[in-house]
Amino acid sequence: METCLTTCISSVAETLRRGGLAAVPTETVYGLAADGRNAAAVRKLYEVKGRPPRKPVSLLVPGLDACAELCEEMPAAALKLAEAFWPGPLTIVVRKSAAVPGIVTAGGDTVGLRCPLHPLTLELLRAFGGPLAAPSANMSGEPSPKSAQEVLAALGGKIPFILDGGPCAVGIESTIVDLTGPVPRILRRGGLEPEEISHVLGTEVIA
């Protein structure tokens, strides 16, 4: 396994295109990335993490434009939140499109989307040219890694690349907000407070 910087982003992107895995930095925690359109690659991700198949994974995207192919539509509330907080520690849950494999959503009809605030991973997303499934880069149930060294301790020998972006600036997982119902619902508290989301939307959210 290799830890690397910008010089090997093209190598990491090629590994992901071939169905491989890599750990990537975000502002929240390090993620274990796989091609979000490749069911076999996502299945490998689940196996490496020991993640229960009933738990869906979110997709990282380089920006709002990349969401069009991944969801049926972006509700007005989703657009407001993306414009306010992306790139950043917010995952937006919307209705998925047929382009998202069922294994990503654990068979459900919704998908979580996030644009991370980290220059290396944004560069990787642009070089890769697609969404990345990226739950935390740890064994399931263990603490989420906040540095490349913690990823190495957790997954050393199990993945070919760790993209070393230094320590995570936020250090806790993203806030997840579900926008598929009549009222926005916080599914997980994280890097953004519910009050911040409510302020942008101009309405109360269920937390």
N, C-alpha and C. Protein backbone atom coordinates (compact mmCIF):
# COMPACT_ATOMS: atom_id res chain seq x y z
N MET A 1 0.85 -1.20 0.00
CA MET A 1 0.00 0.00 0.00
C MET A 1 0.88 1.24 0.00
N GLU A 2 0.43 2.25 -0.71
CA GLU A 2 1.21 3.47 -0.85
C GLU A 2 0.43 4.66 -0.31
N THR A 3 1.11 5.49 0.52
CA THR A 3 0.54 6.79 0.89
C THR A 3 1.12 7.81 -0.06
N CYS A 4 0.30 8.73 -0.54
CA CYS A 4 0.78 9.60 -1.60
C CYS A 4 0.10 10.95 -1.54
N LEU A 5 0.64 11.89 -2.33
CA LEU A 5 0.11 13.24 -2.43
C LEU A 5 -0.39 13.48 -3.84
N THR A 6 -0.45 14.73 -4.25
CA THR A 6 -1.04 15.10 -5.52
C THR A 6 -0.42 14.36 -6.70
N THR A 7 0.86 14.05 -6.62
CA THR A 7 1.57 13.43 -7.75
C THR A 7 0.95 12.12 -8.17
N CYS A 8 0.24 11.45 -7.28
CA CYS A 8 -0.31 10.15 -7.68
C CYS A 8 -1.84 10.16 -7.77
N ILE A 9 -2.44 11.33 -7.88
CA ILE A 9 -3.89 11.39 -8.04
C ILE A 9 -4.33 10.64 -9.30
N SER A 10 -3.56 10.76 -10.38
CA SER A 10 -3.92 10.04 -11.60
C SER A 10 -3.86 8.53 -11.38
N SER A 11 -2.91 8.06 -10.59
CA SER A 11 -2.81 6.62 -10.30
C SER A 11 -3.98 6.15 -9.45
N VAL A 12 -4.37 6.98 -8.47
CA VAL A 12 -5.51 6.63 -7.63
C VAL A 12 -6.78 6.59 -8.49
N ALA A 13 -6.97 7.58 -9.36
CA ALA A 13 -8.14 7.62 -10.23
C ALA A 13 -8.20 6.38 -11.12
N GLU A 14 -7.07 5.96 -11.65
CA GLU A 14 -7.04 4.77 -12.50
C GLU A 14 -7.36 3.51 -11.71
N THR A 15 -6.85 3.43 -10.48
CA THR A 15 -7.18 2.29 -9.61
C THR A 15 -8.68 2.22 -9.37
N LEU A 16 -9.30 3.37 -9.11
CA LEU A 16 -10.75 3.41 -8.88
C LEU A 16 -11.52 3.03 -10.14
N ARG A 17 -11.06 3.46 -11.29
CA ARG A 17 -11.73 3.10 -12.55
C ARG A 17 -11.70 1.59 -12.78
N ARG A 18 -10.65 0.94 -12.30
CA ARG A 18 -10.50 -0.51 -12.46
C ARG A 18 -11.21 -1.30 -11.37
N GLY A 19 -11.97 -0.63 -10.53
CA GLY A 19 -12.71 -1.31 -9.50
C GLY A 19 -11.99 -1.46 -8.18
N GLY A 20 -10.85 -0.77 -8.03
CA GLY A 20 -10.09 -0.83 -6.79
C GLY A 20 -10.58 0.18 -5.77
N LEU A 21 -9.90 0.18 -4.62
CA LEU A 21 -10.26 1.05 -3.51
C LEU A 21 -9.10 1.97 -3.16
N ALA A 22 -9.41 3.08 -2.50
CA ALA A 22 -8.39 3.99 -1.99
C ALA A 22 -8.99 4.79 -0.85
N ALA A 23 -8.17 5.14 0.12
CA ALA A 23 -8.60 6.04 1.19
C ALA A 23 -8.33 7.47 0.78
N VAL A 24 -9.30 8.36 1.06
CA VAL A 24 -9.20 9.75 0.62
C VAL A 24 -9.52 10.68 1.78
N PRO A 25 -8.90 11.86 1.80
CA PRO A 25 -9.16 12.81 2.88
C PRO A 25 -10.38 13.67 2.59
N THR A 26 -11.08 14.03 3.64
CA THR A 26 -12.09 15.08 3.55
C THR A 26 -11.91 15.98 4.77
N GLU A 27 -12.70 17.02 4.86
CA GLU A 27 -12.60 17.89 6.02
C GLU A 27 -13.22 17.25 7.27
N THR A 28 -14.04 16.20 7.08
CA THR A 28 -14.69 15.55 8.21
C THR A 28 -13.82 14.40 8.73
N VAL A 29 -13.79 13.29 7.99
CA VAL A 29 -12.93 12.14 8.31
C VAL A 29 -12.43 11.57 6.99
N TYR A 30 -11.46 10.67 7.07
CA TYR A 30 -11.00 9.99 5.86
C TYR A 30 -12.05 8.99 5.40
N GLY A 31 -12.23 8.90 4.08
CA GLY A 31 -13.20 7.98 3.52
C GLY A 31 -12.52 6.86 2.75
N LEU A 32 -13.19 5.71 2.70
CA LEU A 32 -12.75 4.58 1.88
C LEU A 32 -13.54 4.63 0.59
N ALA A 33 -12.85 4.95 -0.51
CA ALA A 33 -13.53 5.28 -1.76
C ALA A 33 -13.55 4.12 -2.75
N ALA A 34 -14.67 4.02 -3.46
CA ALA A 34 -14.85 3.10 -4.58
C ALA A 34 -15.70 3.79 -5.62
N ASP A 35 -15.64 3.30 -6.85
CA ASP A 35 -16.46 3.84 -7.93
C ASP A 35 -17.93 3.65 -7.56
N GLY A 36 -18.63 4.76 -7.38
CA GLY A 36 -20.02 4.70 -6.95
C GLY A 36 -20.98 4.17 -7.99
N ARG A 37 -20.52 3.98 -9.23
CA ARG A 37 -21.37 3.42 -10.27
C ARG A 37 -21.10 1.94 -10.50
N ASN A 38 -20.11 1.39 -9.80
CA ASN A 38 -19.65 0.02 -10.00
C ASN A 38 -20.06 -0.83 -8.80
N ALA A 39 -21.10 -1.65 -8.99
CA ALA A 39 -21.63 -2.44 -7.87
C ALA A 39 -20.57 -3.39 -7.30
N ALA A 40 -19.74 -3.98 -8.17
CA ALA A 40 -18.72 -4.91 -7.69
C ALA A 40 -17.69 -4.19 -6.84
N ALA A 41 -17.31 -2.98 -7.22
CA ALA A 41 -16.34 -2.20 -6.45
C ALA A 41 -16.92 -1.82 -5.09
N VAL A 42 -18.19 -1.42 -5.07
CA VAL A 42 -18.82 -1.07 -3.80
C VAL A 42 -18.95 -2.30 -2.91
N ARG A 43 -19.23 -3.45 -3.50
CA ARG A 43 -19.30 -4.69 -2.72
C ARG A 43 -17.95 -4.99 -2.08
N LYS A 44 -16.87 -4.77 -2.81
CA LYS A 44 -15.52 -4.95 -2.26
C LYS A 44 -15.30 -4.01 -1.09
N LEU A 45 -15.77 -2.77 -1.21
CA LEU A 45 -15.66 -1.79 -0.12
C LEU A 45 -16.34 -2.31 1.14
N TYR A 46 -17.55 -2.84 0.98
CA TYR A 46 -18.27 -3.41 2.13
C TYR A 46 -17.47 -4.54 2.76
N GLU A 47 -16.89 -5.38 1.92
CA GLU A 47 -16.14 -6.53 2.44
C GLU A 47 -14.91 -6.09 3.22
N VAL A 48 -14.17 -5.12 2.68
CA VAL A 48 -12.96 -4.66 3.34
C VAL A 48 -13.29 -4.02 4.69
N LYS A 49 -14.35 -3.23 4.75
CA LYS A 49 -14.75 -2.57 6.00
C LYS A 49 -15.44 -3.51 6.98
N GLY A 50 -15.98 -4.62 6.47
CA GLY A 50 -16.85 -5.44 7.30
C GLY A 50 -18.15 -4.72 7.59
N ARG A 51 -18.61 -3.95 6.62
CA ARG A 51 -19.82 -3.12 6.81
C ARG A 51 -21.07 -3.96 6.55
N PRO A 52 -22.06 -3.91 7.42
CA PRO A 52 -23.30 -4.65 7.18
C PRO A 52 -23.97 -4.17 5.90
N PRO A 53 -24.43 -5.08 5.05
CA PRO A 53 -25.03 -4.67 3.78
C PRO A 53 -26.31 -3.89 3.91
N ARG A 54 -26.92 -3.89 5.11
CA ARG A 54 -28.16 -3.12 5.31
C ARG A 54 -27.89 -1.62 5.46
N LYS A 55 -26.61 -1.25 5.62
CA LYS A 55 -26.27 0.16 5.82
C LYS A 55 -25.85 0.78 4.49
N PRO A 56 -26.58 1.78 4.00
CA PRO A 56 -26.20 2.42 2.74
C PRO A 56 -24.94 3.25 2.89
N VAL A 57 -24.35 3.62 1.75
CA VAL A 57 -23.21 4.53 1.74
C VAL A 57 -23.57 5.76 0.92
N SER A 58 -22.96 6.88 1.27
CA SER A 58 -23.19 8.12 0.52
C SER A 58 -22.19 8.23 -0.63
N LEU A 59 -22.47 9.14 -1.54
CA LEU A 59 -21.61 9.38 -2.69
C LEU A 59 -20.99 10.77 -2.60
N LEU A 60 -19.69 10.84 -2.86
CA LEU A 60 -19.00 12.12 -2.97
C LEU A 60 -19.05 12.60 -4.41
N VAL A 61 -19.31 13.88 -4.60
CA VAL A 61 -19.36 14.49 -5.92
C VAL A 61 -18.52 15.77 -5.91
N PRO A 62 -18.05 16.22 -7.09
CA PRO A 62 -17.23 17.43 -7.13
C PRO A 62 -18.02 18.73 -7.08
N GLY A 63 -19.35 18.65 -7.20
CA GLY A 63 -20.15 19.85 -7.17
C GLY A 63 -21.60 19.55 -7.52
N LEU A 64 -22.41 20.58 -7.51
CA LEU A 64 -23.84 20.43 -7.72
C LEU A 64 -24.18 19.87 -9.10
N ASP A 65 -23.42 20.25 -10.13
CA ASP A 65 -23.72 19.79 -11.48
C ASP A 65 -23.65 18.27 -11.60
N ALA A 66 -22.81 17.64 -10.78
CA ALA A 66 -22.63 16.19 -10.86
C ALA A 66 -23.80 15.42 -10.28
N CYS A 67 -24.72 16.11 -9.62
CA CYS A 67 -25.84 15.43 -8.97
C CYS A 67 -26.95 15.04 -9.94
N ALA A 68 -27.00 15.70 -11.10
CA ALA A 68 -28.14 15.52 -12.01
C ALA A 68 -28.35 14.07 -12.41
N GLU A 69 -27.26 13.35 -12.68
CA GLU A 69 -27.39 11.97 -13.13
C GLU A 69 -27.66 11.00 -11.99
N LEU A 70 -27.54 11.45 -10.74
CA LEU A 70 -27.61 10.54 -9.59
C LEU A 70 -28.93 10.59 -8.86
N CYS A 71 -29.77 11.56 -9.16
CA CYS A 71 -31.05 11.68 -8.46
C CYS A 71 -32.16 12.01 -9.45
N GLU A 72 -33.40 11.70 -9.04
CA GLU A 72 -34.55 12.00 -9.87
C GLU A 72 -34.69 13.50 -10.07
N GLU A 73 -34.49 14.23 -9.01
CA GLU A 73 -34.50 15.69 -9.06
C GLU A 73 -33.83 16.21 -7.80
N MET A 74 -33.35 17.44 -7.87
CA MET A 74 -32.84 18.11 -6.69
C MET A 74 -33.92 19.08 -6.22
N PRO A 75 -34.57 18.77 -5.11
CA PRO A 75 -35.60 19.69 -4.61
C PRO A 75 -35.03 21.08 -4.35
N ALA A 76 -35.90 22.06 -4.32
CA ALA A 76 -35.47 23.44 -4.08
C ALA A 76 -34.68 23.55 -2.78
N ALA A 77 -35.10 22.81 -1.76
CA ALA A 77 -34.39 22.85 -0.48
C ALA A 77 -32.98 22.30 -0.62
N ALA A 78 -32.82 21.26 -1.42
CA ALA A 78 -31.49 20.68 -1.64
C ALA A 78 -30.58 21.67 -2.35
N LEU A 79 -31.12 22.37 -3.33
CA LEU A 79 -30.33 23.37 -4.05
C LEU A 79 -29.88 24.48 -3.10
N LYS A 80 -30.78 24.93 -2.24
CA LYS A 80 -30.43 25.98 -1.28
C LYS A 80 -29.30 25.54 -0.37
N LEU A 81 -29.40 24.31 0.15
CA LEU A 81 -28.40 23.83 1.09
C LEU A 81 -27.06 23.60 0.39
N ALA A 82 -27.09 23.07 -0.83
CA ALA A 82 -25.85 22.85 -1.57
C ALA A 82 -25.15 24.17 -1.86
N GLU A 83 -25.92 25.17 -2.24
CA GLU A 83 -25.34 26.48 -2.54
C GLU A 83 -24.75 27.13 -1.28
N ALA A 84 -25.35 26.84 -0.13
CA ALA A 84 -24.90 27.46 1.12
C ALA A 84 -23.72 26.72 1.74
N PHE A 85 -23.70 25.38 1.63
CA PHE A 85 -22.76 24.60 2.45
C PHE A 85 -21.80 23.71 1.66
N TRP A 86 -21.93 23.62 0.36
CA TRP A 86 -20.99 22.82 -0.44
C TRP A 86 -19.94 23.70 -1.07
N PRO A 87 -18.70 23.28 -1.14
CA PRO A 87 -18.16 22.09 -0.47
C PRO A 87 -18.23 22.25 1.04
N GLY A 88 -18.53 21.16 1.75
CA GLY A 88 -18.61 21.25 3.19
C GLY A 88 -19.20 20.00 3.82
N PRO A 89 -19.35 20.02 5.15
CA PRO A 89 -19.73 18.82 5.90
C PRO A 89 -21.22 18.55 5.95
N LEU A 90 -21.86 18.55 4.78
CA LEU A 90 -23.30 18.30 4.71
C LEU A 90 -23.60 17.25 3.64
N THR A 91 -24.31 16.19 4.04
CA THR A 91 -24.80 15.17 3.12
C THR A 91 -26.28 15.37 2.93
N ILE A 92 -26.70 15.46 1.67
CA ILE A 92 -28.09 15.71 1.30
C ILE A 92 -28.70 14.41 0.77
N VAL A 93 -29.80 13.99 1.37
CA VAL A 93 -30.48 12.76 0.95
C VAL A 93 -31.65 13.12 0.04
N VAL A 94 -31.62 12.53 -1.19
CA VAL A 94 -32.65 12.79 -2.19
C VAL A 94 -33.04 11.45 -2.83
N ARG A 95 -34.06 11.46 -3.68
CA ARG A 95 -34.46 10.26 -4.40
C ARG A 95 -33.41 9.89 -5.44
N LYS A 96 -32.98 8.65 -5.45
CA LYS A 96 -31.91 8.24 -6.36
C LYS A 96 -32.44 8.00 -7.77
N SER A 97 -31.52 8.07 -8.73
CA SER A 97 -31.85 7.70 -10.10
C SER A 97 -31.41 6.26 -10.36
N ALA A 98 -31.75 5.76 -11.54
CA ALA A 98 -31.37 4.39 -11.90
C ALA A 98 -29.86 4.24 -12.07
N ALA A 99 -29.14 5.35 -12.17
CA ALA A 99 -27.69 5.28 -12.35
C ALA A 99 -26.98 4.84 -11.08
N VAL A 100 -27.65 4.89 -9.94
CA VAL A 100 -27.04 4.52 -8.66
C VAL A 100 -27.34 3.06 -8.36
N PRO A 101 -26.32 2.20 -8.25
CA PRO A 101 -26.57 0.79 -7.98
C PRO A 101 -27.28 0.59 -6.64
N GLY A 102 -28.09 -0.45 -6.57
CA GLY A 102 -28.85 -0.72 -5.36
C GLY A 102 -27.99 -0.98 -4.15
N ILE A 103 -26.78 -1.52 -4.35
CA ILE A 103 -25.91 -1.81 -3.22
C ILE A 103 -25.47 -0.53 -2.51
N VAL A 104 -25.39 0.57 -3.24
CA VAL A 104 -25.01 1.86 -2.63
C VAL A 104 -26.06 2.30 -1.62
N THR A 105 -27.32 2.07 -1.95
CA THR A 105 -28.43 2.55 -1.12
C THR A 105 -29.03 1.45 -0.26
N ALA A 106 -28.37 0.28 -0.20
CA ALA A 106 -28.88 -0.88 0.55
C ALA A 106 -30.30 -1.23 0.11
N GLY A 107 -30.54 -1.08 -1.19
CA GLY A 107 -31.83 -1.43 -1.76
C GLY A 107 -32.89 -0.35 -1.63
N GLY A 108 -32.57 0.77 -1.00
CA GLY A 108 -33.53 1.84 -0.83
C GLY A 108 -33.64 2.72 -2.07
N ASP A 109 -34.57 3.66 -2.01
CA ASP A 109 -34.79 4.53 -3.17
C ASP A 109 -34.24 5.94 -2.97
N THR A 110 -33.42 6.13 -1.93
CA THR A 110 -32.81 7.43 -1.69
C THR A 110 -31.29 7.29 -1.64
N VAL A 111 -30.61 8.40 -1.90
CA VAL A 111 -29.15 8.39 -1.89
C VAL A 111 -28.64 9.66 -1.22
N GLY A 112 -27.56 9.52 -0.46
CA GLY A 112 -26.90 10.67 0.15
C GLY A 112 -25.80 11.20 -0.74
N LEU A 113 -25.77 12.50 -0.94
CA LEU A 113 -24.78 13.15 -1.81
C LEU A 113 -24.04 14.22 -1.02
N ARG A 114 -22.71 14.30 -1.26
CA ARG A 114 -21.92 15.32 -0.56
C ARG A 114 -20.76 15.78 -1.42
N CYS A 115 -20.49 17.06 -1.38
CA CYS A 115 -19.30 17.64 -2.01
C CYS A 115 -18.32 17.99 -0.89
N PRO A 116 -17.19 17.28 -0.79
CA PRO A 116 -16.28 17.47 0.34
C PRO A 116 -15.41 18.71 0.19
N LEU A 117 -15.05 19.29 1.32
CA LEU A 117 -14.19 20.47 1.33
C LEU A 117 -12.75 20.05 1.57
N HIS A 118 -12.15 19.46 0.54
CA HIS A 118 -10.73 19.11 0.61
C HIS A 118 -10.16 19.17 -0.80
N PRO A 119 -9.10 19.96 -1.02
CA PRO A 119 -8.62 20.16 -2.39
C PRO A 119 -8.15 18.89 -3.07
N LEU A 120 -7.50 17.97 -2.34
CA LEU A 120 -7.01 16.75 -2.98
C LEU A 120 -8.15 15.86 -3.45
N THR A 121 -9.17 15.71 -2.61
CA THR A 121 -10.28 14.84 -3.00
C THR A 121 -11.14 15.47 -4.08
N LEU A 122 -11.28 16.79 -4.06
CA LEU A 122 -11.98 17.46 -5.16
C LEU A 122 -11.21 17.27 -6.46
N GLU A 123 -9.89 17.36 -6.41
CA GLU A 123 -9.08 17.12 -7.60
C GLU A 123 -9.24 15.68 -8.08
N LEU A 124 -9.26 14.74 -7.13
CA LEU A 124 -9.44 13.34 -7.49
C LEU A 124 -10.81 13.11 -8.13
N LEU A 125 -11.85 13.70 -7.56
CA LEU A 125 -13.19 13.54 -8.13
C LEU A 125 -13.25 14.05 -9.56
N ARG A 126 -12.60 15.18 -9.81
CA ARG A 126 -12.59 15.71 -11.18
C ARG A 126 -11.78 14.81 -12.11
N ALA A 127 -10.65 14.30 -11.63
CA ALA A 127 -9.82 13.42 -12.45
C ALA A 127 -10.53 12.09 -12.70
N PHE A 128 -11.24 11.59 -11.71
CA PHE A 128 -11.94 10.31 -11.84
C PHE A 128 -13.14 10.42 -12.76
N GLY A 129 -13.87 11.51 -12.64
CA GLY A 129 -14.98 11.75 -13.55
C GLY A 129 -16.29 11.08 -13.16
N GLY A 130 -16.46 10.81 -11.89
CA GLY A 130 -17.71 10.20 -11.44
C GLY A 130 -17.83 10.26 -9.94
N PRO A 131 -18.96 9.77 -9.41
CA PRO A 131 -19.16 9.79 -7.96
C PRO A 131 -18.35 8.70 -7.28
N LEU A 132 -17.97 8.95 -6.04
CA LEU A 132 -17.25 7.96 -5.25
C LEU A 132 -18.07 7.59 -4.02
N ALA A 133 -18.33 6.30 -3.87
CA ALA A 133 -18.88 5.81 -2.61
C ALA A 133 -17.76 5.91 -1.57
N ALA A 134 -18.03 6.52 -0.43
CA ALA A 134 -16.92 6.80 0.50
C ALA A 134 -17.36 6.88 1.95
N PRO A 135 -17.71 5.74 2.56
CA PRO A 135 -17.90 5.75 4.01
C PRO A 135 -16.55 5.92 4.70
N SER A 136 -16.53 6.02 6.00
CA SER A 136 -15.27 6.24 6.72
C SER A 136 -14.30 5.08 6.49
N ALA A 137 -13.01 5.41 6.44
CA ALA A 137 -11.96 4.45 6.10
C ALA A 137 -11.47 3.71 7.34
N ASN A 138 -12.38 2.93 7.91
CA ASN A 138 -12.07 2.16 9.11
C ASN A 138 -12.81 0.84 9.05
N MET A 139 -12.52 -0.05 9.96
CA MET A 139 -13.34 -1.25 10.11
C MET A 139 -14.66 -0.84 10.75
N SER A 140 -15.73 -1.46 10.31
CA SER A 140 -17.05 -1.09 10.79
C SER A 140 -17.13 -1.17 12.32
N GLY A 141 -17.64 -0.12 12.92
CA GLY A 141 -17.78 -0.07 14.36
C GLY A 141 -16.61 0.56 15.09
N GLU A 142 -15.51 0.77 14.39
CA GLU A 142 -14.33 1.38 14.99
C GLU A 142 -14.36 2.89 14.80
N PRO A 143 -13.55 3.66 15.54
CA PRO A 143 -13.54 5.12 15.38
C PRO A 143 -13.15 5.54 13.97
N SER A 144 -13.76 6.60 13.49
CA SER A 144 -13.46 7.11 12.15
C SER A 144 -12.08 7.76 12.13
N PRO A 145 -11.27 7.48 11.10
CA PRO A 145 -9.90 8.01 11.06
C PRO A 145 -9.86 9.47 10.65
N LYS A 146 -8.97 10.22 11.30
CA LYS A 146 -8.83 11.64 11.03
C LYS A 146 -7.47 11.98 10.45
N SER A 147 -6.68 10.96 10.12
CA SER A 147 -5.37 11.17 9.50
C SER A 147 -5.03 9.94 8.67
N ALA A 148 -4.06 10.11 7.76
CA ALA A 148 -3.62 8.98 6.96
C ALA A 148 -3.00 7.89 7.83
N GLN A 149 -2.34 8.30 8.92
CA GLN A 149 -1.72 7.34 9.82
C GLN A 149 -2.78 6.46 10.49
N GLU A 150 -3.92 7.04 10.85
CA GLU A 150 -4.99 6.25 11.45
C GLU A 150 -5.61 5.29 10.44
N VAL A 151 -5.70 5.72 9.17
CA VAL A 151 -6.17 4.81 8.12
C VAL A 151 -5.20 3.64 7.98
N LEU A 152 -3.92 3.94 7.98
CA LEU A 152 -2.90 2.90 7.84
C LEU A 152 -3.02 1.87 8.96
N ALA A 153 -3.25 2.36 10.18
CA ALA A 153 -3.39 1.45 11.31
C ALA A 153 -4.64 0.57 11.18
N ALA A 154 -5.69 1.13 10.59
CA ALA A 154 -6.95 0.40 10.49
C ALA A 154 -7.01 -0.54 9.29
N LEU A 155 -6.47 -0.09 8.15
CA LEU A 155 -6.66 -0.82 6.89
C LEU A 155 -5.37 -1.19 6.20
N GLY A 156 -4.24 -1.06 6.90
CA GLY A 156 -2.95 -1.38 6.29
C GLY A 156 -2.93 -2.76 5.68
N GLY A 157 -2.52 -2.84 4.42
CA GLY A 157 -2.45 -4.10 3.71
C GLY A 157 -3.74 -4.50 3.00
N LYS A 158 -4.83 -3.76 3.23
CA LYS A 158 -6.12 -4.12 2.63
C LYS A 158 -6.48 -3.28 1.42
N ILE A 159 -5.83 -2.11 1.26
CA ILE A 159 -6.12 -1.22 0.14
C ILE A 159 -4.80 -0.75 -0.48
N PRO A 160 -4.79 -0.45 -1.77
CA PRO A 160 -3.52 -0.10 -2.44
C PRO A 160 -3.05 1.33 -2.20
N PHE A 161 -3.96 2.27 -1.92
CA PHE A 161 -3.57 3.67 -1.81
C PHE A 161 -4.23 4.35 -0.62
N ILE A 162 -3.47 5.24 0.02
CA ILE A 162 -4.03 6.24 0.93
C ILE A 162 -3.59 7.59 0.40
N LEU A 163 -4.54 8.42 0.03
CA LEU A 163 -4.23 9.77 -0.43
C LEU A 163 -4.07 10.64 0.81
N ASP A 164 -2.84 11.02 1.12
CA ASP A 164 -2.53 11.71 2.37
C ASP A 164 -2.78 13.20 2.23
N GLY A 165 -3.84 13.67 2.87
CA GLY A 165 -4.18 15.09 2.83
C GLY A 165 -4.01 15.78 4.16
N GLY A 166 -3.24 15.14 5.06
CA GLY A 166 -3.05 15.75 6.38
C GLY A 166 -4.23 15.49 7.30
N PRO A 167 -4.20 16.05 8.49
CA PRO A 167 -5.29 15.84 9.45
C PRO A 167 -6.58 16.51 8.99
N CYS A 168 -7.70 15.91 9.34
CA CYS A 168 -9.01 16.44 8.96
C CYS A 168 -9.33 17.70 9.77
N ALA A 169 -9.78 18.74 9.09
CA ALA A 169 -10.01 20.02 9.75
C ALA A 169 -11.22 19.99 10.68
N VAL A 170 -12.28 19.29 10.30
CA VAL A 170 -13.49 19.24 11.13
C VAL A 170 -13.42 18.09 12.12
N GLY A 171 -13.08 16.90 11.64
CA GLY A 171 -12.81 15.78 12.52
C GLY A 171 -14.02 15.02 13.03
N ILE A 172 -15.23 15.38 12.59
CA ILE A 172 -16.43 14.58 12.87
C ILE A 172 -17.18 14.41 11.55
N GLU A 173 -18.04 13.41 11.50
CA GLU A 173 -18.75 13.11 10.27
C GLU A 173 -19.66 14.26 9.83
N SER A 174 -20.06 14.20 8.57
CA SER A 174 -20.96 15.22 8.04
C SER A 174 -22.34 15.10 8.67
N THR A 175 -23.04 16.21 8.70
CA THR A 175 -24.46 16.20 9.05
C THR A 175 -25.23 15.64 7.86
N ILE A 176 -26.18 14.76 8.13
CA ILE A 176 -27.01 14.18 7.07
C ILE A 176 -28.43 14.72 7.22
N VAL A 177 -28.95 15.32 6.14
CA VAL A 177 -30.32 15.84 6.16
C VAL A 177 -31.13 15.19 5.04
N ASP A 178 -32.26 14.62 5.41
CA ASP A 178 -33.16 13.94 4.48
C ASP A 178 -34.18 14.95 3.97
N LEU A 179 -34.19 15.14 2.64
CA LEU A 179 -35.10 16.11 2.04
C LEU A 179 -36.17 15.43 1.19
N THR A 180 -36.42 14.15 1.46
CA THR A 180 -37.39 13.42 0.64
C THR A 180 -38.81 13.46 1.22
N GLY A 181 -38.97 13.97 2.43
CA GLY A 181 -40.29 14.05 3.05
C GLY A 181 -40.81 15.47 3.07
N PRO A 182 -41.96 15.67 3.67
CA PRO A 182 -42.57 17.01 3.70
C PRO A 182 -41.80 18.01 4.57
N VAL A 183 -41.04 17.49 5.55
CA VAL A 183 -40.26 18.34 6.45
C VAL A 183 -38.82 17.83 6.46
N PRO A 184 -37.82 18.71 6.30
CA PRO A 184 -36.42 18.26 6.36
C PRO A 184 -36.13 17.58 7.70
N ARG A 185 -35.41 16.47 7.62
CA ARG A 185 -35.13 15.68 8.82
C ARG A 185 -33.62 15.43 8.94
N ILE A 186 -33.07 15.72 10.10
CA ILE A 186 -31.66 15.44 10.36
C ILE A 186 -31.53 13.96 10.73
N LEU A 187 -30.81 13.20 9.91
CA LEU A 187 -30.61 11.78 10.18
C LEU A 187 -29.36 11.55 11.03
N ARG A 188 -28.41 12.48 10.95
CA ARG A 188 -27.19 12.38 11.76
C ARG A 188 -26.65 13.78 12.01
N ARG A 189 -26.39 14.08 13.27
CA ARG A 189 -25.73 15.35 13.59
C ARG A 189 -24.24 15.22 13.31
N GLY A 190 -23.66 16.30 12.83
CA GLY A 190 -22.24 16.26 12.50
C GLY A 190 -21.64 17.64 12.40
N GLY A 191 -20.97 17.91 11.27
CA GLY A 191 -20.21 19.14 11.12
C GLY A 191 -21.03 20.41 11.03
N LEU A 192 -22.34 20.29 10.78
CA LEU A 192 -23.24 21.45 10.76
C LEU A 192 -24.33 21.27 11.79
N GLU A 193 -24.73 22.34 12.43
CA GLU A 193 -25.79 22.29 13.41
C GLU A 193 -27.16 22.40 12.72
N PRO A 194 -28.19 21.76 13.28
CA PRO A 194 -29.53 21.87 12.70
C PRO A 194 -29.99 23.31 12.54
N GLU A 195 -29.57 24.18 13.46
CA GLU A 195 -29.97 25.59 13.39
C GLU A 195 -29.42 26.27 12.13
N GLU A 196 -28.23 25.87 11.71
CA GLU A 196 -27.64 26.44 10.49
C GLU A 196 -28.46 26.03 9.27
N ILE A 197 -28.89 24.79 9.26
CA ILE A 197 -29.70 24.28 8.14
C ILE A 197 -31.07 24.96 8.14
N SER A 198 -31.67 25.06 9.31
CA SER A 198 -32.97 25.69 9.42
C SER A 198 -32.93 27.15 8.97
N HIS A 199 -31.84 27.84 9.30
CA HIS A 199 -31.70 29.26 8.94
C HIS A 199 -31.68 29.41 7.41
N VAL A 200 -30.94 28.56 6.73
CA VAL A 200 -30.85 28.65 5.25
C VAL A 200 -32.19 28.33 4.61
N LEU A 201 -32.88 27.31 5.14
CA LEU A 201 -34.13 26.89 4.54
C LEU A 201 -35.30 27.80 4.92
N GLY A 202 -35.14 28.53 6.01
CA GLY A 202 -36.23 29.37 6.47
C GLY A 202 -37.39 28.60 7.04
N THR A 203 -37.09 27.40 7.54
CA THR A 203 -38.13 26.56 8.14
C THR A 203 -37.52 25.69 9.21
N GLU A 204 -38.35 25.14 10.06
CA GLU A 204 -37.87 24.22 11.08
C GLU A 204 -37.46 22.90 10.46
N VAL A 205 -36.51 22.23 11.08
CA VAL A 205 -36.13 20.88 10.66
C VAL A 205 -36.33 19.94 11.84
N ILE A 206 -36.60 18.69 11.52
CA ILE A 206 -36.74 17.67 12.57
C ILE A 206 -35.36 17.14 12.89
N ALA A 207 -34.93 17.26 14.12
CA ALA A 207 -33.59 16.83 14.51
C ALA A 207 -33.65 15.67 15.49
